[in-house]
Each structure stands twice: as C-alpha cells, then as structure tokens.
Amino acid sequence: HDSTNYEYAMTLWVRGIAFDPTDLDAIEKFAASA
C-alpha cells in the first residue's frame, strides 16, 4: 500500500483477513487500499 501498489495490497489484506477476520484495523486498511 505504501508503495502505491493498491491492487496487490488489497489481495494481501484479503488473504490475511481469511486467517483473522476479527481484525477490524485490517478491514479498514483494506478499504483504504480500495
């Protein structure tokens, strides 16, 4: 995300959320990347 590769960042956020869907901060950061 910091390197402006938003599409790949979104993929990584989703893959991480699959392991821990309770992390609200990650969900918000996914939305920021989107």
Full PDB file with SEQRES, HELIX, SHEET, SSBOND, CRYST1, ORIGX, SCALE, CONECT and MASTER records, all heavy atoms in Angstrom:
SEQRES   1 A   34  HIS ASP SER THR ASN TYR GLU TYR ALA MET THR LEU TRP          
SEQRES   2 A   34  VAL ARG GLY ILE ALA PHE ASP PRO THR ASP LEU ASP ALA          
SEQRES   3 A   34  ILE GLU LYS PHE ALA ALA SER ALA                              
HELIX    1 AA1 TYR A    6  PHE A   19  1                                  14    
HELIX    2 AA2 LEU A   24  SER A   33  1                                  10    
CRYST1    1.000    1.000    1.000  90.00  90.00  90.00 P 1           1          
ORIGX1      1.000000  0.000000  0.000000        0.00000                         
ORIGX2      0.000000  1.000000  0.000000        0.00000                         
ORIGX3      0.000000  0.000000  1.000000        0.00000                         
SCALE1      1.000000  0.000000  0.000000        0.00000                         
SCALE2      0.000000  1.000000  0.000000        0.00000                         
SCALE3      0.000000  0.000000  1.000000        0.00000                         
ATOM      1  N   HIS A   1       0.835  -1.202   0.000  1.00  0.00           N  
ATOM      2  CA  HIS A   1       0.000   0.000   0.000  1.00  0.00           C  
ATOM      3  C   HIS A   1       0.872   1.255   0.000  1.00  0.00           C  
ATOM      4  O   HIS A   1       0.605   2.202  -0.742  1.00  0.00           O  
ATOM      5  CB  HIS A   1      -0.930   0.004   1.208  1.00  0.00           C  
ATOM      6  CG  HIS A   1      -1.781   1.228   1.306  1.00  0.00           C  
ATOM      7  ND1 HIS A   1      -2.970   1.334   0.628  1.00  0.00           N  
ATOM      8  CD2 HIS A   1      -1.611   2.394   1.973  1.00  0.00           C  
ATOM      9  CE1 HIS A   1      -3.500   2.524   0.883  1.00  0.00           C  
ATOM     10  NE2 HIS A   1      -2.687   3.178   1.705  1.00  0.00           N  
ATOM     11  N   ASP A   2       1.900   1.263   0.814  1.00  0.00           N  
ATOM     12  CA  ASP A   2       2.790   2.422   0.899  1.00  0.00           C  
ATOM     13  C   ASP A   2       3.546   2.670  -0.404  1.00  0.00           C  
ATOM     14  O   ASP A   2       3.921   3.802  -0.699  1.00  0.00           O  
ATOM     15  CB  ASP A   2       3.785   2.259   2.055  1.00  0.00           C  
ATOM     16  CG  ASP A   2       3.105   2.310   3.409  1.00  0.00           C  
ATOM     17  OD1 ASP A   2       1.959   2.811   3.493  1.00  0.00           O  
ATOM     18  OD2 ASP A   2       3.719   1.829   4.385  1.00  0.00           O  
ATOM     19  N   SER A   3       3.755   1.619  -1.186  1.00  0.00           N  
ATOM     20  CA  SER A   3       4.451   1.773  -2.467  1.00  0.00           C  
ATOM     21  C   SER A   3       3.465   1.987  -3.613  1.00  0.00           C  
ATOM     22  O   SER A   3       3.847   1.835  -4.776  1.00  0.00           O  
ATOM     23  CB  SER A   3       5.343   0.566  -2.737  1.00  0.00           C  
ATOM     24  OG  SER A   3       4.550  -0.583  -2.916  1.00  0.00           O  
ATOM     25  N   THR A   4       2.224   2.315  -3.296  1.00  0.00           N  
ATOM     26  CA  THR A   4       1.120   2.593  -4.228  1.00  0.00           C  
ATOM     27  C   THR A   4       0.766   1.407  -5.127  1.00  0.00           C  
ATOM     28  O   THR A   4       0.230   1.587  -6.204  1.00  0.00           O  
ATOM     29  CB  THR A   4       1.399   3.836  -5.107  1.00  0.00           C  
ATOM     30  OG1 THR A   4       2.468   3.547  -6.004  1.00  0.00           O  
ATOM     31  CG2 THR A   4       1.721   5.055  -4.269  1.00  0.00           C  
ATOM     32  N   ASN A   5       1.027   0.204  -4.678  1.00  0.00           N  
ATOM     33  CA  ASN A   5       0.609  -0.997  -5.390  1.00  0.00           C  
ATOM     34  C   ASN A   5      -0.681  -1.480  -4.723  1.00  0.00           C  
ATOM     35  O   ASN A   5      -0.715  -2.487  -4.021  1.00  0.00           O  
ATOM     36  CB  ASN A   5       1.715  -2.064  -5.326  1.00  0.00           C  
ATOM     37  CG  ASN A   5       1.461  -3.201  -6.280  1.00  0.00           C  
ATOM     38  OD1 ASN A   5       0.407  -3.289  -6.892  1.00  0.00           O  
ATOM     39  ND2 ASN A   5       2.430  -4.083  -6.395  1.00  0.00           N  
ATOM     40  N   TYR A   6      -1.768  -0.745  -4.965  1.00  0.00           N  
ATOM     41  CA  TYR A   6      -3.011  -0.938  -4.229  1.00  0.00           C  
ATOM     42  C   TYR A   6      -3.710  -2.264  -4.544  1.00  0.00           C  
ATOM     43  O   TYR A   6      -4.283  -2.876  -3.648  1.00  0.00           O  
ATOM     44  CB  TYR A   6      -3.960   0.235  -4.480  1.00  0.00           C  
ATOM     45  CG  TYR A   6      -3.346   1.560  -4.109  1.00  0.00           C  
ATOM     46  CD1 TYR A   6      -3.117   2.535  -5.063  1.00  0.00           C  
ATOM     47  CD2 TYR A   6      -2.975   1.826  -2.805  1.00  0.00           C  
ATOM     48  CE1 TYR A   6      -2.548   3.747  -4.725  1.00  0.00           C  
ATOM     49  CE2 TYR A   6      -2.400   3.034  -2.447  1.00  0.00           C  
ATOM     50  CZ  TYR A   6      -2.185   3.989  -3.418  1.00  0.00           C  
ATOM     51  OH  TYR A   6      -1.617   5.179  -3.071  1.00  0.00           O  
ATOM     52  N   GLU A   7      -3.642  -2.687  -5.783  1.00  0.00           N  
ATOM     53  CA  GLU A   7      -4.314  -3.941  -6.145  1.00  0.00           C  
ATOM     54  C   GLU A   7      -3.691  -5.130  -5.407  1.00  0.00           C  
ATOM     55  O   GLU A   7      -4.399  -5.977  -4.851  1.00  0.00           O  
ATOM     56  CB  GLU A   7      -4.248  -4.154  -7.653  1.00  0.00           C  
ATOM     57  CG  GLU A   7      -5.013  -5.376  -8.122  1.00  0.00           C  
ATOM     58  CD  GLU A   7      -4.994  -5.508  -9.632  1.00  0.00           C  
ATOM     59  OE1 GLU A   7      -4.532  -4.598 -10.334  1.00  0.00           O  
ATOM     60  OE2 GLU A   7      -5.444  -6.570 -10.097  1.00  0.00           O  
ATOM     61  N   TYR A   8      -2.369  -5.181  -5.385  1.00  0.00           N  
ATOM     62  CA  TYR A   8      -1.677  -6.258  -4.672  1.00  0.00           C  
ATOM     63  C   TYR A   8      -1.901  -6.125  -3.165  1.00  0.00           C  
ATOM     64  O   TYR A   8      -2.079  -7.126  -2.470  1.00  0.00           O  
ATOM     65  CB  TYR A   8      -0.189  -6.244  -5.005  1.00  0.00           C  
ATOM     66  CG  TYR A   8       0.592  -7.369  -4.390  1.00  0.00           C  
ATOM     67  CD1 TYR A   8       0.222  -8.697  -4.578  1.00  0.00           C  
ATOM     68  CD2 TYR A   8       1.720  -7.116  -3.617  1.00  0.00           C  
ATOM     69  CE1 TYR A   8       0.948  -9.733  -4.018  1.00  0.00           C  
ATOM     70  CE2 TYR A   8       2.453  -8.145  -3.056  1.00  0.00           C  
ATOM     71  CZ  TYR A   8       2.059  -9.452  -3.253  1.00  0.00           C  
ATOM     72  OH  TYR A   8       2.772 -10.469  -2.687  1.00  0.00           O  
ATOM     73  N   ALA A   9      -1.939  -4.895  -2.673  1.00  0.00           N  
ATOM     74  CA  ALA A   9      -2.193  -4.678  -1.255  1.00  0.00           C  
ATOM     75  C   ALA A   9      -3.565  -5.217  -0.873  1.00  0.00           C  
ATOM     76  O   ALA A   9      -3.719  -5.857   0.176  1.00  0.00           O  
ATOM     77  CB  ALA A   9      -2.096  -3.195  -0.919  1.00  0.00           C  
ATOM     78  N   MET A  10      -4.558  -4.974  -1.720  1.00  0.00           N  
ATOM     79  CA  MET A  10      -5.906  -5.483  -1.435  1.00  0.00           C  
ATOM     80  C   MET A  10      -5.911  -7.010  -1.380  1.00  0.00           C  
ATOM     81  O   MET A  10      -6.558  -7.606  -0.514  1.00  0.00           O  
ATOM     82  CB  MET A  10      -6.885  -4.982  -2.490  1.00  0.00           C  
ATOM     83  CG  MET A  10      -7.176  -3.506  -2.382  1.00  0.00           C  
ATOM     84  SD  MET A  10      -8.124  -2.832  -3.763  1.00  0.00           S  
ATOM     85  CE  MET A  10      -9.391  -4.021  -4.011  1.00  0.00           C  
ATOM     86  N   THR A  11      -5.175  -7.632  -2.297  1.00  0.00           N  
ATOM     87  CA  THR A  11      -5.088  -9.094  -2.293  1.00  0.00           C  
ATOM     88  C   THR A  11      -4.476  -9.598  -0.986  1.00  0.00           C  
ATOM     89  O   THR A  11      -4.966 -10.560  -0.388  1.00  0.00           O  
ATOM     90  CB  THR A  11      -4.233  -9.570  -3.484  1.00  0.00           C  
ATOM     91  OG1 THR A  11      -4.826  -9.105  -4.690  1.00  0.00           O  
ATOM     92  CG2 THR A  11      -4.127 -11.087  -3.508  1.00  0.00           C  
ATOM     93  N   LEU A  12      -3.424  -8.932  -0.537  1.00  0.00           N  
ATOM     94  CA  LEU A  12      -2.773  -9.347   0.707  1.00  0.00           C  
ATOM     95  C   LEU A  12      -3.665  -9.092   1.927  1.00  0.00           C  
ATOM     96  O   LEU A  12      -3.693  -9.903   2.851  1.00  0.00           O  
ATOM     97  CB  LEU A  12      -1.435  -8.630   0.856  1.00  0.00           C  
ATOM     98  CG  LEU A  12      -0.363  -9.047  -0.151  1.00  0.00           C  
ATOM     99  CD1 LEU A  12       0.819  -8.097  -0.080  1.00  0.00           C  
ATOM    100  CD2 LEU A  12       0.070 -10.471   0.080  1.00  0.00           C  
ATOM    101  N   TRP A  13      -4.389  -7.970   1.932  1.00  0.00           N  
ATOM    102  CA  TRP A  13      -5.299  -7.714   3.052  1.00  0.00           C  
ATOM    103  C   TRP A  13      -6.336  -8.829   3.150  1.00  0.00           C  
ATOM    104  O   TRP A  13      -6.613  -9.350   4.238  1.00  0.00           O  
ATOM    105  CB  TRP A  13      -6.010  -6.368   2.891  1.00  0.00           C  
ATOM    106  CG  TRP A  13      -5.168  -5.153   3.080  1.00  0.00           C  
ATOM    107  CD1 TRP A  13      -4.945  -4.176   2.160  1.00  0.00           C  
ATOM    108  CD2 TRP A  13      -4.427  -4.768   4.251  1.00  0.00           C  
ATOM    109  NE1 TRP A  13      -4.106  -3.222   2.685  1.00  0.00           N  
ATOM    110  CE2 TRP A  13      -3.776  -3.552   3.967  1.00  0.00           C  
ATOM    111  CE3 TRP A  13      -4.233  -5.333   5.505  1.00  0.00           C  
ATOM    112  CZ2 TRP A  13      -2.960  -2.891   4.880  1.00  0.00           C  
ATOM    113  CZ3 TRP A  13      -3.427  -4.674   6.422  1.00  0.00           C  
ATOM    114  CH2 TRP A  13      -2.804  -3.479   6.108  1.00  0.00           C  
ATOM    115  N   VAL A  14      -6.909  -9.199   1.999  1.00  0.00           N  
ATOM    116  CA  VAL A  14      -7.954 -10.238   1.995  1.00  0.00           C  
ATOM    117  C   VAL A  14      -7.392 -11.586   2.439  1.00  0.00           C  
ATOM    118  O   VAL A  14      -8.032 -12.314   3.205  1.00  0.00           O  
ATOM    119  CB  VAL A  14      -8.606 -10.339   0.603  1.00  0.00           C  
ATOM    120  CG1 VAL A  14      -9.479 -11.568   0.487  1.00  0.00           C  
ATOM    121  CG2 VAL A  14      -9.413  -9.094   0.319  1.00  0.00           C  
ATOM    122  N   ARG A  15      -6.194 -11.914   1.968  1.00  0.00           N  
ATOM    123  CA  ARG A  15      -5.597 -13.198   2.372  1.00  0.00           C  
ATOM    124  C   ARG A  15      -5.316 -13.219   3.873  1.00  0.00           C  
ATOM    125  O   ARG A  15      -5.463 -14.244   4.527  1.00  0.00           O  
ATOM    126  CB  ARG A  15      -4.329 -13.467   1.573  1.00  0.00           C  
ATOM    127  CG  ARG A  15      -4.671 -13.750   0.091  1.00  0.00           C  
ATOM    128  CD  ARG A  15      -3.481 -14.083  -0.711  1.00  0.00           C  
ATOM    129  NE  ARG A  15      -3.025 -15.428  -0.345  1.00  0.00           N  
ATOM    130  CZ  ARG A  15      -1.918 -15.973  -0.827  1.00  0.00           C  
ATOM    131  NH1 ARG A  15      -1.183 -15.307  -1.684  1.00  0.00           N  
ATOM    132  NH2 ARG A  15      -1.559 -17.175  -0.457  1.00  0.00           N  
ATOM    133  N   GLY A  16      -4.898 -12.084   4.429  1.00  0.00           N  
ATOM    134  CA  GLY A  16      -4.681 -12.005   5.872  1.00  0.00           C  
ATOM    135  C   GLY A  16      -5.975 -12.062   6.650  1.00  0.00           C  
ATOM    136  O   GLY A  16      -6.068 -12.710   7.690  1.00  0.00           O  
ATOM    137  N   ILE A  17      -6.998 -11.383   6.137  1.00  0.00           N  
ATOM    138  CA  ILE A  17      -8.305 -11.385   6.811  1.00  0.00           C  
ATOM    139  C   ILE A  17      -8.897 -12.795   6.831  1.00  0.00           C  
ATOM    140  O   ILE A  17      -9.622 -13.152   7.751  1.00  0.00           O  
ATOM    141  CB  ILE A  17      -9.247 -10.368   6.138  1.00  0.00           C  
ATOM    142  CG1 ILE A  17      -8.754  -8.947   6.435  1.00  0.00           C  
ATOM    143  CG2 ILE A  17     -10.679 -10.537   6.597  1.00  0.00           C  
ATOM    144  CD1 ILE A  17      -9.430  -7.850   5.634  1.00  0.00           C  
ATOM    145  N   ALA A  18      -8.547 -13.609   5.852  1.00  0.00           N  
ATOM    146  CA  ALA A  18      -9.022 -15.001   5.854  1.00  0.00           C  
ATOM    147  C   ALA A  18      -8.487 -15.769   7.062  1.00  0.00           C  
ATOM    148  O   ALA A  18      -9.142 -16.678   7.569  1.00  0.00           O  
ATOM    149  CB  ALA A  18      -8.609 -15.705   4.565  1.00  0.00           C  
ATOM    150  N   PHE A  19      -7.308 -15.393   7.551  1.00  0.00           N  
ATOM    151  CA  PHE A  19      -6.738 -16.046   8.727  1.00  0.00           C  
ATOM    152  C   PHE A  19      -7.239 -15.422  10.024  1.00  0.00           C  
ATOM    153  O   PHE A  19      -7.275 -16.084  11.059  1.00  0.00           O  
ATOM    154  CB  PHE A  19      -5.205 -15.989   8.703  1.00  0.00           C  
ATOM    155  CG  PHE A  19      -4.587 -16.935   7.728  1.00  0.00           C  
ATOM    156  CD1 PHE A  19      -4.006 -16.467   6.569  1.00  0.00           C  
ATOM    157  CD2 PHE A  19      -4.592 -18.302   7.961  1.00  0.00           C  
ATOM    158  CE1 PHE A  19      -3.433 -17.330   5.659  1.00  0.00           C  
ATOM    159  CE2 PHE A  19      -4.021 -19.182   7.062  1.00  0.00           C  
ATOM    160  CZ  PHE A  19      -3.446 -18.694   5.900  1.00  0.00           C  
ATOM    161  N   ASP A  20      -7.592 -14.127   9.989  1.00  0.00           N  
ATOM    162  CA  ASP A  20      -8.088 -13.455  11.194  1.00  0.00           C  
ATOM    163  C   ASP A  20      -9.156 -12.430  10.814  1.00  0.00           C  
ATOM    164  O   ASP A  20      -8.873 -11.236  10.688  1.00  0.00           O  
ATOM    165  CB  ASP A  20      -6.937 -12.765  11.933  1.00  0.00           C  
ATOM    166  CG  ASP A  20      -7.373 -12.202  13.287  1.00  0.00           C  
ATOM    167  OD1 ASP A  20      -8.495 -12.511  13.729  1.00  0.00           O  
ATOM    168  OD2 ASP A  20      -6.585 -11.463  13.896  1.00  0.00           O  
ATOM    169  N   PRO A  21     -10.400 -12.877  10.624  1.00  0.00           N  
ATOM    170  CA  PRO A  21     -11.461 -11.968  10.204  1.00  0.00           C  
ATOM    171  C   PRO A  21     -11.928 -11.015  11.305  1.00  0.00           C  
ATOM    172  O   PRO A  21     -12.750 -10.144  11.054  1.00  0.00           O  
ATOM    173  CB  PRO A  21     -12.591 -12.904   9.772  1.00  0.00           C  
ATOM    174  CG  PRO A  21     -12.323 -14.179  10.463  1.00  0.00           C  
ATOM    175  CD  PRO A  21     -10.835 -14.255  10.660  1.00  0.00           C  
ATOM    176  N   THR A  22     -11.406 -11.148  12.504  1.00  0.00           N  
ATOM    177  CA  THR A  22     -11.817 -10.273  13.604  1.00  0.00           C  
ATOM    178  C   THR A  22     -10.995  -8.999  13.677  1.00  0.00           C  
ATOM    179  O   THR A  22     -11.295  -8.129  14.494  1.00  0.00           O  
ATOM    180  CB  THR A  22     -11.698 -11.018  14.945  1.00  0.00           C  
ATOM    181  OG1 THR A  22     -10.327 -11.367  15.156  1.00  0.00           O  
ATOM    182  CG2 THR A  22     -12.558 -12.273  14.955  1.00  0.00           C  
ATOM    183  N   ASP A  23      -9.979  -8.839  12.842  1.00  0.00           N  
ATOM    184  CA  ASP A  23      -9.099  -7.672  12.881  1.00  0.00           C  
ATOM    185  C   ASP A  23      -9.741  -6.515  12.114  1.00  0.00           C  
ATOM    186  O   ASP A  23      -9.629  -6.418  10.890  1.00  0.00           O  
ATOM    187  CB  ASP A  23      -7.737  -8.022  12.289  1.00  0.00           C  
ATOM    188  CG  ASP A  23      -6.689  -6.969  12.573  1.00  0.00           C  
ATOM    189  OD1 ASP A  23      -7.059  -5.810  12.849  1.00  0.00           O  
ATOM    190  OD2 ASP A  23      -5.501  -7.312  12.523  1.00  0.00           O  
ATOM    191  N   LEU A  24     -10.422  -5.624  12.839  1.00  0.00           N  
ATOM    192  CA  LEU A  24     -11.124  -4.508  12.227  1.00  0.00           C  
ATOM    193  C   LEU A  24     -10.155  -3.518  11.587  1.00  0.00           C  
ATOM    194  O   LEU A  24     -10.460  -2.924  10.542  1.00  0.00           O  
ATOM    195  CB  LEU A  24     -12.000  -3.795  13.262  1.00  0.00           C  
ATOM    196  CG  LEU A  24     -12.859  -2.656  12.734  1.00  0.00           C  
ATOM    197  CD1 LEU A  24     -13.803  -3.166  11.656  1.00  0.00           C  
ATOM    198  CD2 LEU A  24     -13.626  -2.020  13.865  1.00  0.00           C  
ATOM    199  N   ASP A  25      -8.983  -3.334  12.169  1.00  0.00           N  
ATOM    200  CA  ASP A  25      -7.982  -2.431  11.609  1.00  0.00           C  
ATOM    201  C   ASP A  25      -7.574  -2.878  10.204  1.00  0.00           C  
ATOM    202  O   ASP A  25      -7.435  -2.055   9.295  1.00  0.00           O  
ATOM    203  CB  ASP A  25      -6.755  -2.370  12.526  1.00  0.00           C  
ATOM    204  CG  ASP A  25      -5.755  -1.323  12.092  1.00  0.00           C  
ATOM    205  OD1 ASP A  25      -6.178  -0.204  11.744  1.00  0.00           O  
ATOM    206  OD2 ASP A  25      -4.546  -1.628  12.104  1.00  0.00           O  
ATOM    207  N   ALA A  26      -7.412  -4.161  10.005  1.00  0.00           N  
ATOM    208  CA  ALA A  26      -7.044  -4.685   8.686  1.00  0.00           C  
ATOM    209  C   ALA A  26      -8.171  -4.468   7.685  1.00  0.00           C  
ATOM    210  O   ALA A  26      -7.921  -4.151   6.513  1.00  0.00           O  
ATOM    211  CB  ALA A  26      -6.702  -6.169   8.779  1.00  0.00           C  
ATOM    212  N   ILE A  27      -9.400  -4.603   8.125  1.00  0.00           N  
ATOM    213  CA  ILE A  27     -10.541  -4.390   7.238  1.00  0.00           C  
ATOM    214  C   ILE A  27     -10.602  -2.922   6.808  1.00  0.00           C  
ATOM    215  O   ILE A  27     -10.869  -2.608   5.645  1.00  0.00           O  
ATOM    216  CB  ILE A  27     -11.845  -4.839   7.918  1.00  0.00           C  
ATOM    217  CG1 ILE A  27     -11.809  -6.362   8.136  1.00  0.00           C  
ATOM    218  CG2 ILE A  27     -13.065  -4.453   7.094  1.00  0.00           C  
ATOM    219  CD1 ILE A  27     -12.906  -6.902   9.020  1.00  0.00           C  
ATOM    220  N   GLU A  28     -10.332  -2.016   7.736  1.00  0.00           N  
ATOM    221  CA  GLU A  28     -10.319  -0.592   7.407  1.00  0.00           C  
ATOM    222  C   GLU A  28      -9.177  -0.265   6.439  1.00  0.00           C  
ATOM    223  O   GLU A  28      -9.348   0.557   5.522  1.00  0.00           O  
ATOM    224  CB  GLU A  28     -10.193   0.247   8.681  1.00  0.00           C  
ATOM    225  CG  GLU A  28     -11.439   0.191   9.541  1.00  0.00           C  
ATOM    226  CD  GLU A  28     -11.264   0.853  10.891  1.00  0.00           C  
ATOM    227  OE1 GLU A  28     -10.108   1.172  11.271  1.00  0.00           O  
ATOM    228  OE2 GLU A  28     -12.284   1.059  11.587  1.00  0.00           O  
ATOM    229  N   LYS A  29      -8.027  -0.894   6.644  1.00  0.00           N  
ATOM    230  CA  LYS A  29      -6.896  -0.650   5.738  1.00  0.00           C  
ATOM    231  C   LYS A  29      -7.161  -1.243   4.352  1.00  0.00           C  
ATOM    232  O   LYS A  29      -6.711  -0.694   3.350  1.00  0.00           O  
ATOM    233  CB  LYS A  29      -5.613  -1.198   6.343  1.00  0.00           C  
ATOM    234  CG  LYS A  29      -5.150  -0.368   7.541  1.00  0.00           C  
ATOM    235  CD  LYS A  29      -3.866  -0.887   8.112  1.00  0.00           C  
ATOM    236  CE  LYS A  29      -3.428  -0.020   9.281  1.00  0.00           C  
ATOM    237  NZ  LYS A  29      -2.142  -0.436   9.830  1.00  0.00           N  
ATOM    238  N   PHE A  30      -7.891  -2.336   4.305  1.00  0.00           N  
ATOM    239  CA  PHE A  30      -8.289  -2.889   3.022  1.00  0.00           C  
ATOM    240  C   PHE A  30      -9.155  -1.875   2.274  1.00  0.00           C  
ATOM    241  O   PHE A  30      -8.959  -1.637   1.077  1.00  0.00           O  
ATOM    242  CB  PHE A  30      -9.073  -4.199   3.199  1.00  0.00           C  
ATOM    243  CG  PHE A  30      -9.771  -4.651   1.958  1.00  0.00           C  
ATOM    244  CD1 PHE A  30      -9.059  -5.283   0.949  1.00  0.00           C  
ATOM    245  CD2 PHE A  30     -11.128  -4.449   1.788  1.00  0.00           C  
ATOM    246  CE1 PHE A  30      -9.693  -5.688  -0.208  1.00  0.00           C  
ATOM    247  CE2 PHE A  30     -11.761  -4.858   0.632  1.00  0.00           C  
ATOM    248  CZ  PHE A  30     -11.042  -5.479  -0.373  1.00  0.00           C  
ATOM    249  N   ALA A  31     -10.091  -1.268   2.985  1.00  0.00           N  
ATOM    250  CA  ALA A  31     -10.958  -0.264   2.367  1.00  0.00           C  
ATOM    251  C   ALA A  31     -10.135   0.939   1.893  1.00  0.00           C  
ATOM    252  O   ALA A  31     -10.410   1.499   0.829  1.00  0.00           O  
ATOM    253  CB  ALA A  31     -12.034   0.175   3.347  1.00  0.00           C  
ATOM    254  N   ALA A  32      -9.129   1.326   2.651  1.00  0.00           N  
ATOM    255  CA  ALA A  32      -8.265   2.438   2.253  1.00  0.00           C  
ATOM    256  C   ALA A  32      -7.510   2.096   0.966  1.00  0.00           C  
ATOM    257  O   ALA A  32      -7.337   2.953   0.092  1.00  0.00           O  
ATOM    258  CB  ALA A  32      -7.289   2.777   3.370  1.00  0.00           C  
ATOM    259  N   SER A  33      -7.056   0.869   0.839  1.00  0.00           N  
ATOM    260  CA  SER A  33      -6.372   0.447  -0.384  1.00  0.00           C  
ATOM    261  C   SER A  33      -7.351   0.426  -1.562  1.00  0.00           C  
ATOM    262  O   SER A  33      -6.979   0.750  -2.690  1.00  0.00           O  
ATOM    263  CB  SER A  33      -5.747  -0.929  -0.223  1.00  0.00           C  
ATOM    264  OG  SER A  33      -4.690  -0.911   0.696  1.00  0.00           O  
ATOM    265  N   ALA A  34      -8.587   0.065  -1.293  1.00  0.00           N  
ATOM    266  CA  ALA A  34      -9.585   0.023  -2.345  1.00  0.00           C  
ATOM    267  C   ALA A  34      -9.941   1.422  -2.844  1.00  0.00           C  
ATOM    268  O   ALA A  34     -10.220   1.618  -4.023  1.00  0.00           O  
ATOM    269  CB  ALA A  34     -10.853  -0.684  -1.849  1.00  0.00           C  
TER     270      ALA A  34                                                      
MASTER        0    0    0    2    0    0    0    6  269    1    0    3          
END                                                                             
